[in-house]
């Protein structure tokens, strides 16, 4: 088994390394000062840490941790509307449903604007499907 982590002090401490060796787990580390070495996990950790249901005192058992993670993944992929995906879920985007959802959303917003123009001084919300998503577009452009 391999545990991949950042180069934080807790993950590099001698006590932690000794416990990993005792358990037969190999350590793997991201490259120092390379922000996008493991960007998906870094983004996921931030999302997980700020979940209201995150157990701040830890999990009672390995099974309770597995159940929590399963519920989180299900919520994240099927219920959580992502701002970077123009407020559709990853599942909707992955299954190609985003275009129809966003088209319907635009129709509803336009109808609401027509009924109450005084409440809509400008354009409606952007309802265009999101194109390709990149982690570091500025690096790719260079």
N, C-alpha and C. Protein backbone atom coordinates (compact mmCIF):
# COMPACT_ATOMS: atom_id res chain seq x y z
N UNK A 1 0.85 -1.17 0.00
CA UNK A 1 0.00 0.00 0.00
C UNK A 1 0.90 1.24 0.00
N UNK A 2 0.44 2.27 -0.72
CA UNK A 2 1.19 3.52 -0.82
C UNK A 2 0.29 4.66 -0.34
N UNK A 3 0.83 5.53 0.51
CA UNK A 3 0.12 6.72 0.96
C UNK A 3 0.81 7.93 0.33
N UNK A 4 0.08 8.62 -0.55
CA UNK A 4 0.64 9.81 -1.20
C UNK A 4 0.18 11.04 -0.43
N UNK A 5 1.10 11.94 -0.13
CA UNK A 5 0.75 13.14 0.63
C UNK A 5 1.61 14.31 0.19
N UNK A 6 1.31 15.46 0.80
CA UNK A 6 2.15 16.63 0.55
C UNK A 6 3.39 16.53 1.43
N UNK A 7 4.15 17.58 1.46
CA UNK A 7 5.40 17.59 2.23
C UNK A 7 5.24 18.28 3.58
N UNK A 8 4.04 18.28 4.11
CA UNK A 8 3.80 18.92 5.40
C UNK A 8 4.57 18.23 6.52
N UNK A 9 4.88 19.01 7.54
CA UNK A 9 5.67 18.49 8.67
C UNK A 9 5.06 17.23 9.30
N UNK A 10 3.74 17.15 9.51
CA UNK A 10 3.20 15.94 10.13
C UNK A 10 3.45 14.68 9.28
N UNK A 11 3.39 14.84 7.96
CA UNK A 11 3.55 13.68 7.07
C UNK A 11 5.01 13.27 6.92
N UNK A 12 5.94 14.15 7.28
CA UNK A 12 7.36 13.86 7.13
C UNK A 12 8.04 13.56 8.48
N UNK A 13 7.27 13.63 9.56
CA UNK A 13 7.86 13.44 10.89
C UNK A 13 8.38 12.02 11.06
N UNK A 14 9.39 11.87 11.89
CA UNK A 14 9.98 10.55 12.12
C UNK A 14 8.98 9.60 12.76
N UNK A 15 8.15 10.10 13.66
CA UNK A 15 7.15 9.25 14.31
C UNK A 15 6.18 8.68 13.27
N UNK A 16 5.72 9.54 12.38
CA UNK A 16 4.79 9.11 11.35
C UNK A 16 5.45 8.12 10.40
N UNK A 17 6.67 8.42 9.99
CA UNK A 17 7.39 7.53 9.08
C UNK A 17 7.60 6.15 9.72
N UNK A 18 7.93 6.14 11.02
CA UNK A 18 8.13 4.87 11.72
C UNK A 18 6.84 4.06 11.75
N UNK A 19 5.72 4.72 12.02
CA UNK A 19 4.42 4.03 12.06
C UNK A 19 4.06 3.48 10.68
N UNK A 20 4.34 4.25 9.65
CA UNK A 20 4.07 3.80 8.29
C UNK A 20 4.89 2.55 7.98
N UNK A 21 6.15 2.57 8.35
CA UNK A 21 7.01 1.41 8.11
C UNK A 21 6.51 0.20 8.88
N UNK A 22 6.11 0.43 10.14
CA UNK A 22 5.58 -0.65 10.98
C UNK A 22 4.35 -1.29 10.34
N UNK A 23 3.53 -0.47 9.70
CA UNK A 23 2.30 -0.96 9.06
C UNK A 23 2.52 -1.47 7.64
N UNK A 24 3.75 -1.35 7.15
CA UNK A 24 4.04 -1.83 5.80
C UNK A 24 3.52 -0.91 4.72
N UNK A 25 3.39 0.37 5.03
CA UNK A 25 2.88 1.35 4.07
C UNK A 25 4.04 2.18 3.54
N UNK A 26 4.11 2.31 2.23
CA UNK A 26 5.16 3.11 1.60
C UNK A 26 4.69 4.55 1.46
N UNK A 27 5.55 5.48 1.81
CA UNK A 27 5.22 6.90 1.66
C UNK A 27 5.60 7.40 0.27
N UNK A 28 4.76 8.25 -0.27
CA UNK A 28 5.01 8.91 -1.54
C UNK A 28 4.67 10.38 -1.33
N UNK A 29 5.51 11.28 -1.86
CA UNK A 29 5.30 12.70 -1.61
C UNK A 29 5.22 13.50 -2.90
N UNK A 30 4.41 14.56 -2.86
CA UNK A 30 4.37 15.51 -3.96
C UNK A 30 5.70 16.24 -4.01
N UNK A 31 6.02 16.78 -5.16
CA UNK A 31 7.25 17.55 -5.28
C UNK A 31 7.12 18.84 -4.48
N UNK A 32 8.18 19.24 -3.78
CA UNK A 32 8.11 20.47 -3.00
C UNK A 32 7.83 21.69 -3.88
N UNK A 33 6.97 22.56 -3.37
CA UNK A 33 6.64 23.83 -4.03
C UNK A 33 6.08 23.67 -5.44
N UNK A 34 5.38 22.58 -5.69
CA UNK A 34 4.72 22.37 -6.99
C UNK A 34 3.22 22.29 -6.69
N UNK A 35 2.53 23.41 -6.85
CA UNK A 35 1.14 23.51 -6.42
C UNK A 35 0.19 22.58 -7.15
N UNK A 36 0.52 22.23 -8.39
CA UNK A 36 -0.41 21.39 -9.14
C UNK A 36 0.07 19.95 -9.27
N UNK A 37 0.93 19.51 -8.35
CA UNK A 37 1.42 18.14 -8.39
C UNK A 37 0.28 17.16 -8.09
N UNK A 38 -0.60 17.55 -7.21
CA UNK A 38 -1.73 16.71 -6.84
C UNK A 38 -2.96 17.60 -6.64
N UNK A 39 -3.33 18.38 -7.67
CA UNK A 39 -4.35 19.42 -7.49
C UNK A 39 -5.74 18.90 -7.20
N UNK A 40 -6.08 17.76 -7.75
CA UNK A 40 -7.43 17.24 -7.53
C UNK A 40 -7.63 16.92 -6.05
N UNK A 41 -6.63 16.28 -5.46
CA UNK A 41 -6.74 15.92 -4.05
C UNK A 41 -6.72 17.17 -3.17
N UNK A 42 -5.87 18.14 -3.49
CA UNK A 42 -5.83 19.38 -2.70
C UNK A 42 -7.19 20.06 -2.74
N UNK A 43 -7.81 20.12 -3.89
CA UNK A 43 -9.13 20.73 -4.02
C UNK A 43 -10.17 19.93 -3.23
N UNK A 44 -10.10 18.63 -3.33
CA UNK A 44 -11.02 17.76 -2.60
C UNK A 44 -10.87 17.94 -1.10
N UNK A 45 -9.63 17.98 -0.60
CA UNK A 45 -9.41 18.15 0.84
C UNK A 45 -10.05 19.45 1.34
N UNK A 46 -9.92 20.51 0.56
CA UNK A 46 -10.51 21.77 0.99
C UNK A 46 -12.03 21.65 1.07
N UNK A 47 -12.63 21.03 0.07
CA UNK A 47 -14.08 20.86 0.06
C UNK A 47 -14.53 20.01 1.25
N UNK A 48 -13.82 18.93 1.51
CA UNK A 48 -14.17 18.03 2.61
C UNK A 48 -14.06 18.76 3.96
N UNK A 49 -12.97 19.50 4.15
CA UNK A 49 -12.74 20.18 5.43
C UNK A 49 -13.84 21.18 5.77
N UNK A 50 -14.48 21.75 4.77
CA UNK A 50 -15.49 22.76 5.02
C UNK A 50 -16.92 22.22 4.96
N UNK A 51 -17.06 20.92 4.87
CA UNK A 51 -18.39 20.32 4.90
C UNK A 51 -18.97 20.45 6.31
N UNK A 52 -20.22 20.92 6.44
CA UNK A 52 -20.81 21.01 7.78
C UNK A 52 -20.86 19.66 8.50
N UNK A 53 -20.97 18.59 7.75
CA UNK A 53 -21.06 17.26 8.37
C UNK A 53 -19.70 16.64 8.69
N UNK A 54 -18.59 17.35 8.38
CA UNK A 54 -17.26 16.82 8.67
C UNK A 54 -17.13 16.59 10.18
N UNK A 55 -16.77 15.37 10.58
CA UNK A 55 -16.64 15.07 12.02
C UNK A 55 -15.35 15.66 12.60
N UNK A 56 -15.47 16.81 13.21
CA UNK A 56 -14.29 17.53 13.69
C UNK A 56 -13.51 16.76 14.76
N UNK A 57 -14.15 15.81 15.40
CA UNK A 57 -13.45 15.01 16.42
C UNK A 57 -13.01 13.66 15.89
N UNK A 58 -13.08 13.49 14.60
CA UNK A 58 -12.65 12.24 13.99
C UNK A 58 -13.77 11.22 13.89
N UNK A 59 -13.43 10.07 13.39
CA UNK A 59 -14.40 9.00 13.21
C UNK A 59 -14.25 7.97 14.32
N UNK A 60 -15.36 7.38 14.71
CA UNK A 60 -15.33 6.35 15.75
C UNK A 60 -14.69 5.05 15.25
N UNK A 61 -15.01 4.69 14.00
CA UNK A 61 -14.52 3.42 13.45
C UNK A 61 -14.15 3.62 11.98
N UNK A 62 -13.44 2.65 11.46
CA UNK A 62 -13.10 2.69 10.02
C UNK A 62 -14.39 2.60 9.19
N UNK A 63 -15.36 1.81 9.67
CA UNK A 63 -16.62 1.69 8.93
C UNK A 63 -17.38 3.02 8.90
N UNK A 64 -17.35 3.76 10.02
CA UNK A 64 -18.05 5.05 10.03
C UNK A 64 -17.35 6.03 9.09
N UNK A 65 -16.03 5.94 8.98
CA UNK A 65 -15.32 6.82 8.05
C UNK A 65 -15.66 6.46 6.61
N UNK A 66 -15.73 5.18 6.32
CA UNK A 66 -16.08 4.74 4.97
C UNK A 66 -17.49 5.18 4.59
N UNK A 67 -18.41 5.04 5.53
CA UNK A 67 -19.80 5.45 5.27
C UNK A 67 -19.88 6.95 5.01
N UNK A 68 -19.13 7.73 5.81
CA UNK A 68 -19.14 9.18 5.63
C UNK A 68 -18.60 9.55 4.25
N UNK A 69 -17.49 8.94 3.86
CA UNK A 69 -16.87 9.25 2.57
C UNK A 69 -17.80 8.84 1.42
N UNK A 70 -18.44 7.68 1.53
CA UNK A 70 -19.37 7.25 0.49
C UNK A 70 -20.51 8.26 0.34
N UNK A 71 -21.06 8.72 1.47
CA UNK A 71 -22.15 9.69 1.42
C UNK A 71 -21.67 11.02 0.84
N UNK A 72 -20.45 11.42 1.22
CA UNK A 72 -19.89 12.67 0.69
C UNK A 72 -19.72 12.58 -0.82
N UNK A 73 -19.15 11.51 -1.32
CA UNK A 73 -18.91 11.35 -2.76
C UNK A 73 -20.23 11.36 -3.52
N UNK A 74 -21.23 10.67 -2.98
CA UNK A 74 -22.55 10.66 -3.63
C UNK A 74 -23.12 12.08 -3.68
N UNK A 75 -23.07 12.81 -2.55
CA UNK A 75 -23.56 14.19 -2.51
C UNK A 75 -22.78 15.08 -3.48
N UNK A 76 -21.46 14.99 -3.43
CA UNK A 76 -20.60 15.85 -4.24
C UNK A 76 -20.88 15.68 -5.73
N UNK A 77 -21.07 14.45 -6.16
CA UNK A 77 -21.25 14.17 -7.59
C UNK A 77 -22.68 14.33 -8.08
N UNK A 78 -23.67 14.14 -7.20
CA UNK A 78 -25.06 14.12 -7.69
C UNK A 78 -25.94 15.24 -7.16
N UNK A 79 -25.51 15.95 -6.10
CA UNK A 79 -26.36 17.00 -5.53
C UNK A 79 -25.70 18.38 -5.53
N UNK A 80 -24.42 18.42 -5.29
CA UNK A 80 -23.70 19.69 -5.14
C UNK A 80 -23.56 20.39 -6.49
N UNK A 81 -24.12 21.58 -6.58
CA UNK A 81 -24.04 22.36 -7.82
C UNK A 81 -22.75 23.18 -7.78
N UNK A 82 -21.86 22.94 -8.72
CA UNK A 82 -20.54 23.57 -8.74
C UNK A 82 -20.55 24.90 -9.46
N UNK A 83 -20.01 25.92 -8.81
CA UNK A 83 -19.96 27.24 -9.44
C UNK A 83 -19.11 27.20 -10.72
N UNK A 84 -18.03 26.45 -10.72
CA UNK A 84 -17.16 26.38 -11.91
C UNK A 84 -17.82 25.63 -13.07
N UNK A 85 -18.89 24.89 -12.77
CA UNK A 85 -19.63 24.18 -13.83
C UNK A 85 -20.94 24.91 -14.13
N UNK A 86 -21.02 26.18 -13.74
CA UNK A 86 -22.21 27.00 -13.95
C UNK A 86 -23.42 26.42 -13.22
N UNK A 87 -23.16 25.94 -12.03
CA UNK A 87 -24.18 25.45 -11.12
C UNK A 87 -24.97 24.25 -11.65
N UNK A 88 -24.24 23.29 -12.18
CA UNK A 88 -24.78 21.96 -12.43
C UNK A 88 -23.89 21.00 -11.65
N UNK A 89 -24.36 19.79 -11.45
CA UNK A 89 -23.57 18.81 -10.70
C UNK A 89 -22.55 18.15 -11.64
N UNK A 90 -21.50 17.57 -11.07
CA UNK A 90 -20.56 16.83 -11.91
C UNK A 90 -21.24 15.70 -12.68
N UNK A 91 -22.20 15.05 -12.05
CA UNK A 91 -22.91 13.96 -12.72
C UNK A 91 -23.69 14.48 -13.92
N UNK A 92 -24.37 15.61 -13.75
CA UNK A 92 -25.12 16.19 -14.87
C UNK A 92 -24.18 16.57 -16.00
N UNK A 93 -23.06 17.13 -15.65
CA UNK A 93 -22.06 17.52 -16.67
C UNK A 93 -21.51 16.28 -17.37
N UNK A 94 -21.11 15.29 -16.58
CA UNK A 94 -20.51 14.07 -17.12
C UNK A 94 -21.47 13.34 -18.06
N UNK A 95 -22.76 13.35 -17.72
CA UNK A 95 -23.75 12.64 -18.51
C UNK A 95 -24.35 13.49 -19.63
N UNK A 96 -23.80 14.69 -19.85
CA UNK A 96 -24.25 15.53 -20.95
C UNK A 96 -25.59 16.21 -20.73
N UNK A 97 -26.07 16.25 -19.49
CA UNK A 97 -27.36 16.87 -19.21
C UNK A 97 -27.24 18.37 -18.96
N UNK A 98 -26.02 18.87 -18.81
CA UNK A 98 -25.81 20.27 -18.46
C UNK A 98 -26.37 21.23 -19.51
N UNK A 99 -26.23 20.91 -20.78
CA UNK A 99 -26.69 21.82 -21.83
C UNK A 99 -28.20 22.05 -21.74
N UNK A 100 -28.95 20.98 -21.57
CA UNK A 100 -30.40 21.10 -21.48
C UNK A 100 -30.81 21.82 -20.19
N UNK A 101 -30.16 21.50 -19.08
CA UNK A 101 -30.46 22.17 -17.81
C UNK A 101 -30.21 23.67 -17.93
N UNK A 102 -29.07 24.04 -18.49
CA UNK A 102 -28.73 25.45 -18.62
C UNK A 102 -29.65 26.16 -19.63
N UNK A 103 -30.05 25.47 -20.67
CA UNK A 103 -30.99 26.05 -21.64
C UNK A 103 -32.33 26.34 -20.96
N UNK A 104 -32.84 25.37 -20.19
CA UNK A 104 -34.11 25.57 -19.47
C UNK A 104 -33.98 26.70 -18.45
N UNK A 105 -32.83 26.74 -17.77
CA UNK A 105 -32.60 27.79 -16.77
C UNK A 105 -32.66 29.17 -17.44
N UNK A 106 -32.03 29.30 -18.59
CA UNK A 106 -32.05 30.58 -19.30
C UNK A 106 -33.47 30.97 -19.69
N UNK A 107 -34.25 29.99 -20.14
CA UNK A 107 -35.64 30.26 -20.52
C UNK A 107 -36.45 30.77 -19.33
N UNK A 108 -36.27 30.13 -18.18
CA UNK A 108 -36.98 30.54 -16.96
C UNK A 108 -36.57 31.95 -16.54
N UNK A 109 -35.27 32.21 -16.58
CA UNK A 109 -34.79 33.54 -16.19
C UNK A 109 -35.27 34.63 -17.15
N UNK A 110 -35.26 34.33 -18.44
CA UNK A 110 -35.75 35.31 -19.42
C UNK A 110 -37.24 35.58 -19.23
N UNK A 111 -38.02 34.53 -18.95
CA UNK A 111 -39.45 34.71 -18.70
C UNK A 111 -39.67 35.55 -17.44
N UNK A 112 -38.89 35.30 -16.41
CA UNK A 112 -39.00 36.08 -15.17
C UNK A 112 -38.64 37.54 -15.42
N UNK A 113 -37.64 37.76 -16.24
CA UNK A 113 -37.23 39.14 -16.56
C UNK A 113 -38.32 39.87 -17.33
N UNK A 114 -38.98 39.16 -18.23
CA UNK A 114 -40.07 39.78 -19.00
C UNK A 114 -41.25 40.15 -18.10
N UNK A 115 -41.53 39.29 -17.12
CA UNK A 115 -42.63 39.56 -16.20
C UNK A 115 -42.32 40.68 -15.22
N UNK A 116 -41.07 40.82 -14.84
CA UNK A 116 -40.65 41.81 -13.84
C UNK A 116 -39.39 42.54 -14.30
N UNK A 117 -39.47 43.32 -15.36
CA UNK A 117 -38.26 43.96 -15.89
C UNK A 117 -37.58 44.90 -14.90
N UNK A 118 -38.36 45.48 -13.98
CA UNK A 118 -37.76 46.40 -13.00
C UNK A 118 -36.81 45.68 -12.03
N UNK A 119 -36.96 44.38 -11.90
CA UNK A 119 -36.08 43.60 -11.02
C UNK A 119 -34.82 43.13 -11.73
N UNK A 120 -34.73 43.37 -13.03
CA UNK A 120 -33.61 42.88 -13.84
C UNK A 120 -32.96 44.05 -14.57
N UNK A 121 -32.16 44.84 -13.91
CA UNK A 121 -31.56 46.00 -14.58
C UNK A 121 -30.55 45.62 -15.66
N UNK A 122 -29.99 44.44 -15.57
CA UNK A 122 -28.98 44.03 -16.55
C UNK A 122 -29.34 42.70 -17.17
N UNK A 123 -28.34 42.02 -17.62
CA UNK A 123 -28.53 40.71 -18.24
C UNK A 123 -28.88 39.66 -17.19
N UNK A 124 -29.46 38.57 -17.66
CA UNK A 124 -29.70 37.44 -16.76
C UNK A 124 -28.36 36.74 -16.49
N UNK A 125 -28.37 35.83 -15.56
CA UNK A 125 -27.18 35.05 -15.24
C UNK A 125 -26.69 34.30 -16.48
N UNK A 126 -25.40 34.14 -16.58
CA UNK A 126 -24.81 33.37 -17.68
C UNK A 126 -25.28 31.92 -17.58
N UNK A 127 -25.92 31.44 -18.61
CA UNK A 127 -26.41 30.06 -18.64
C UNK A 127 -25.76 29.26 -19.76
N UNK A 128 -24.60 29.67 -20.18
CA UNK A 128 -23.87 28.94 -21.22
C UNK A 128 -23.17 27.73 -20.60
N UNK A 129 -23.18 26.60 -21.29
CA UNK A 129 -22.42 25.45 -20.79
C UNK A 129 -20.94 25.81 -20.68
N UNK A 130 -20.31 25.27 -19.67
CA UNK A 130 -18.89 25.52 -19.45
C UNK A 130 -18.09 24.68 -20.44
N UNK A 131 -17.08 25.26 -21.02
CA UNK A 131 -16.22 24.51 -21.94
C UNK A 131 -15.27 23.61 -21.16
N UNK A 132 -14.14 23.34 -21.76
CA UNK A 132 -13.14 22.52 -21.09
C UNK A 132 -12.69 23.22 -19.81
N UNK A 133 -12.45 22.42 -18.78
CA UNK A 133 -11.99 22.95 -17.50
C UNK A 133 -10.54 22.53 -17.31
N UNK A 134 -9.71 23.50 -16.96
CA UNK A 134 -8.28 23.25 -16.76
C UNK A 134 -7.87 23.70 -15.37
N UNK A 135 -6.89 23.02 -14.80
CA UNK A 135 -6.42 23.38 -13.47
C UNK A 135 -5.56 24.63 -13.48
N UNK A 136 -4.66 24.73 -14.42
CA UNK A 136 -3.77 25.88 -14.51
C UNK A 136 -3.74 26.38 -15.95
N UNK A 137 -4.82 27.04 -16.40
CA UNK A 137 -4.87 27.46 -17.81
C UNK A 137 -3.76 28.43 -18.18
N UNK A 138 -3.31 29.24 -17.21
CA UNK A 138 -2.24 30.19 -17.53
C UNK A 138 -0.94 29.47 -17.87
N UNK A 139 -0.69 28.32 -17.26
CA UNK A 139 0.52 27.55 -17.58
C UNK A 139 0.39 26.90 -18.95
N UNK A 140 -0.81 26.41 -19.26
CA UNK A 140 -1.02 25.75 -20.54
C UNK A 140 -0.90 26.74 -21.70
N UNK A 141 -1.26 28.00 -21.46
CA UNK A 141 -1.19 29.02 -22.50
C UNK A 141 0.24 29.47 -22.77
N UNK A 142 1.10 29.30 -21.78
CA UNK A 142 2.49 29.78 -21.91
C UNK A 142 3.32 28.91 -22.84
